[in-house]
Amino acid sequence: MTRVQWEWLFLDVQDAELDRPLSPAFTNRFDAEAWLGEHWRHLATQGVAAAQLLQQGAPAAAALPLRAG
């Protein structure tokens, strides 16, 4: 049985994919979402405008903007 891999795709303000920073890989959605909840402010300071959750490389949800307010 293969574990499902979850990871984040990071986007800039023009919705272009960023090659840095890299997302860790997760074995479940809960851990992936919890990680983003803990790290979104730091990611935003690195130029990440939005993050999209991927399940085995395919979009699993709409992109989430990383901004306060």
N, C-alpha and C. Protein backbone atom coordinates (compact mmCIF):
# COMPACT_ATOMS: atom_id res chain seq x y z
N MET A 1 0.84 -1.19 0.00
CA MET A 1 0.00 0.00 0.00
C MET A 1 0.89 1.25 0.00
N THR A 2 0.64 2.16 -0.92
CA THR A 2 1.41 3.39 -1.04
C THR A 2 0.76 4.49 -0.22
N ARG A 3 1.59 5.22 0.49
CA ARG A 3 1.09 6.37 1.25
C ARG A 3 0.84 7.54 0.31
N VAL A 4 -0.25 8.22 0.53
CA VAL A 4 -0.56 9.41 -0.26
C VAL A 4 0.41 10.51 0.13
N GLN A 5 0.95 11.20 -0.84
CA GLN A 5 1.88 12.29 -0.57
C GLN A 5 1.18 13.62 -0.78
N TRP A 6 1.29 14.47 0.21
CA TRP A 6 0.73 15.81 0.17
C TRP A 6 1.88 16.80 0.24
N GLU A 7 1.77 17.88 -0.51
CA GLU A 7 2.77 18.94 -0.46
C GLU A 7 2.14 20.24 -0.93
N TRP A 8 2.87 21.33 -0.71
CA TRP A 8 2.39 22.66 -1.08
C TRP A 8 3.11 23.16 -2.31
N LEU A 9 2.35 23.78 -3.19
CA LEU A 9 2.88 24.51 -4.34
C LEU A 9 2.81 25.98 -3.96
N PHE A 10 3.94 26.68 -4.06
CA PHE A 10 3.99 28.08 -3.67
C PHE A 10 3.95 28.96 -4.91
N LEU A 11 3.16 30.05 -4.82
CA LEU A 11 2.92 30.95 -5.95
C LEU A 11 3.31 32.37 -5.59
N ASP A 12 3.74 33.13 -6.60
CA ASP A 12 4.04 34.54 -6.38
C ASP A 12 2.78 35.36 -6.63
N VAL A 13 2.91 36.69 -6.62
CA VAL A 13 1.73 37.56 -6.76
C VAL A 13 1.07 37.47 -8.13
N GLN A 14 1.79 36.98 -9.15
CA GLN A 14 1.20 36.78 -10.48
C GLN A 14 0.71 35.33 -10.66
N ASP A 15 0.63 34.57 -9.58
CA ASP A 15 0.22 33.17 -9.60
C ASP A 15 1.18 32.27 -10.37
N ALA A 16 2.43 32.70 -10.48
CA ALA A 16 3.47 31.86 -11.10
C ALA A 16 4.09 30.98 -10.02
N GLU A 17 4.41 29.75 -10.39
CA GLU A 17 5.01 28.79 -9.46
C GLU A 17 6.42 29.23 -9.07
N LEU A 18 6.70 29.17 -7.78
CA LEU A 18 8.02 29.49 -7.27
C LEU A 18 8.84 28.20 -7.13
N ASP A 19 10.14 28.28 -7.43
CA ASP A 19 10.98 27.09 -7.25
C ASP A 19 11.59 27.04 -5.85
N ARG A 20 11.51 28.14 -5.11
CA ARG A 20 11.95 28.20 -3.72
C ARG A 20 10.96 29.05 -2.95
N PRO A 21 10.67 28.78 -1.74
CA PRO A 21 11.10 27.66 -0.92
C PRO A 21 10.45 26.34 -1.36
N LEU A 22 10.97 25.25 -0.85
CA LEU A 22 10.41 23.93 -1.15
C LEU A 22 9.50 23.48 -0.02
N SER A 23 8.44 22.80 -0.37
CA SER A 23 7.51 22.26 0.61
C SER A 23 8.00 20.90 1.10
N PRO A 24 7.86 20.65 2.40
CA PRO A 24 8.08 19.27 2.85
C PRO A 24 6.97 18.38 2.29
N ALA A 25 7.18 17.09 2.29
CA ALA A 25 6.15 16.13 1.89
C ALA A 25 5.48 15.60 3.16
N PHE A 26 4.18 15.37 3.05
CA PHE A 26 3.40 14.90 4.20
C PHE A 26 2.64 13.64 3.82
N THR A 27 2.34 12.80 4.80
CA THR A 27 1.59 11.58 4.54
C THR A 27 0.09 11.77 4.71
N ASN A 28 -0.31 12.94 5.24
CA ASN A 28 -1.75 13.19 5.36
C ASN A 28 -2.03 14.68 5.26
N ARG A 29 -3.26 14.98 4.91
CA ARG A 29 -3.68 16.37 4.69
C ARG A 29 -3.63 17.19 5.97
N PHE A 30 -4.03 16.60 7.07
CA PHE A 30 -4.03 17.31 8.35
C PHE A 30 -2.66 17.87 8.67
N ASP A 31 -1.63 17.04 8.55
CA ASP A 31 -0.26 17.49 8.85
C ASP A 31 0.19 18.59 7.88
N ALA A 32 -0.18 18.46 6.61
CA ALA A 32 0.19 19.48 5.63
C ALA A 32 -0.46 20.81 5.97
N GLU A 33 -1.74 20.79 6.31
CA GLU A 33 -2.44 22.02 6.64
C GLU A 33 -1.94 22.61 7.96
N ALA A 34 -1.63 21.77 8.93
CA ALA A 34 -1.09 22.26 10.20
C ALA A 34 0.26 22.93 9.98
N TRP A 35 1.10 22.33 9.13
CA TRP A 35 2.41 22.92 8.84
C TRP A 35 2.25 24.30 8.22
N LEU A 36 1.36 24.44 7.25
CA LEU A 36 1.16 25.75 6.62
C LEU A 36 0.66 26.76 7.65
N GLY A 37 -0.23 26.33 8.53
CA GLY A 37 -0.73 27.22 9.57
C GLY A 37 0.37 27.74 10.48
N GLU A 38 1.41 26.94 10.68
CA GLU A 38 2.52 27.36 11.53
C GLU A 38 3.57 28.18 10.78
N HIS A 39 3.66 28.04 9.46
CA HIS A 39 4.76 28.64 8.71
C HIS A 39 4.35 29.72 7.69
N TRP A 40 3.08 30.03 7.55
CA TRP A 40 2.66 30.92 6.48
C TRP A 40 3.28 32.31 6.57
N ARG A 41 3.44 32.83 7.78
CA ARG A 41 4.02 34.18 7.91
C ARG A 41 5.46 34.20 7.41
N HIS A 42 6.23 33.20 7.76
CA HIS A 42 7.62 33.11 7.29
C HIS A 42 7.66 32.96 5.76
N LEU A 43 6.78 32.13 5.22
CA LEU A 43 6.72 31.95 3.77
C LEU A 43 6.40 33.26 3.07
N ALA A 44 5.48 34.03 3.64
CA ALA A 44 5.09 35.31 3.04
C ALA A 44 6.29 36.26 2.99
N THR A 45 7.16 36.21 3.98
CA THR A 45 8.35 37.08 3.97
C THR A 45 9.36 36.62 2.91
N GLN A 46 9.21 35.40 2.40
CA GLN A 46 10.10 34.88 1.36
C GLN A 46 9.51 35.07 -0.04
N GLY A 47 8.43 35.86 -0.15
CA GLY A 47 7.85 36.16 -1.45
C GLY A 47 6.72 35.24 -1.88
N VAL A 48 6.28 34.36 -1.00
CA VAL A 48 5.16 33.48 -1.33
C VAL A 48 3.86 34.25 -1.11
N ALA A 49 3.07 34.39 -2.17
CA ALA A 49 1.80 35.12 -2.08
C ALA A 49 0.62 34.18 -1.83
N ALA A 50 0.77 32.91 -2.27
CA ALA A 50 -0.31 31.93 -2.10
C ALA A 50 0.29 30.52 -2.07
N ALA A 51 -0.45 29.61 -1.48
CA ALA A 51 -0.02 28.21 -1.41
C ALA A 51 -1.19 27.32 -1.83
N GLN A 52 -0.90 26.35 -2.68
CA GLN A 52 -1.93 25.42 -3.13
C GLN A 52 -1.55 24.02 -2.70
N LEU A 53 -2.48 23.33 -2.08
CA LEU A 53 -2.23 21.97 -1.61
C LEU A 53 -2.33 20.99 -2.77
N LEU A 54 -1.32 20.14 -2.88
CA LEU A 54 -1.28 19.11 -3.91
C LEU A 54 -1.33 17.73 -3.27
N GLN A 55 -2.07 16.83 -3.90
CA GLN A 55 -2.11 15.43 -3.49
C GLN A 55 -1.52 14.62 -4.63
N GLN A 56 -0.36 14.07 -4.40
CA GLN A 56 0.39 13.33 -5.41
C GLN A 56 0.53 14.14 -6.70
N GLY A 57 0.83 15.42 -6.54
CA GLY A 57 1.08 16.30 -7.68
C GLY A 57 -0.13 16.96 -8.30
N ALA A 58 -1.34 16.57 -7.89
CA ALA A 58 -2.57 17.15 -8.44
C ALA A 58 -3.20 18.11 -7.43
N PRO A 59 -3.75 19.23 -7.90
CA PRO A 59 -4.39 20.16 -6.96
C PRO A 59 -5.49 19.48 -6.15
N ALA A 60 -5.45 19.70 -4.83
CA ALA A 60 -6.45 19.14 -3.93
C ALA A 60 -7.39 20.21 -3.38
N ALA A 61 -7.00 21.47 -3.60
CA ALA A 61 -7.81 22.59 -3.10
C ALA A 61 -7.38 23.85 -3.84
N ALA A 62 -8.20 24.87 -3.74
CA ALA A 62 -7.84 26.16 -4.34
C ALA A 62 -6.66 26.76 -3.58
N ALA A 63 -5.92 27.62 -4.25
CA ALA A 63 -4.78 28.29 -3.62
C ALA A 63 -5.27 29.19 -2.47
N LEU A 64 -4.48 29.22 -1.41
CA LEU A 64 -4.79 30.04 -0.25
C LEU A 64 -3.85 31.24 -0.23
N PRO A 65 -4.40 32.46 -0.16
CA PRO A 65 -3.53 33.64 -0.07
C PRO A 65 -2.82 33.68 1.28
N LEU A 66 -1.57 34.09 1.28
CA LEU A 66 -0.79 34.19 2.52
C LEU A 66 -0.59 35.64 2.87
N ARG A 67 -1.62 36.23 3.42
CA ARG A 67 -1.53 37.62 3.84
C ARG A 67 -2.39 37.81 5.08
N ALA A 68 -1.96 38.73 5.91
CA ALA A 68 -2.71 39.02 7.15
C ALA A 68 -3.93 39.86 6.82
N GLY A 69 -4.97 39.67 7.62
CA GLY A 69 -6.17 40.48 7.45
C GLY A 69 -7.14 39.79 6.69
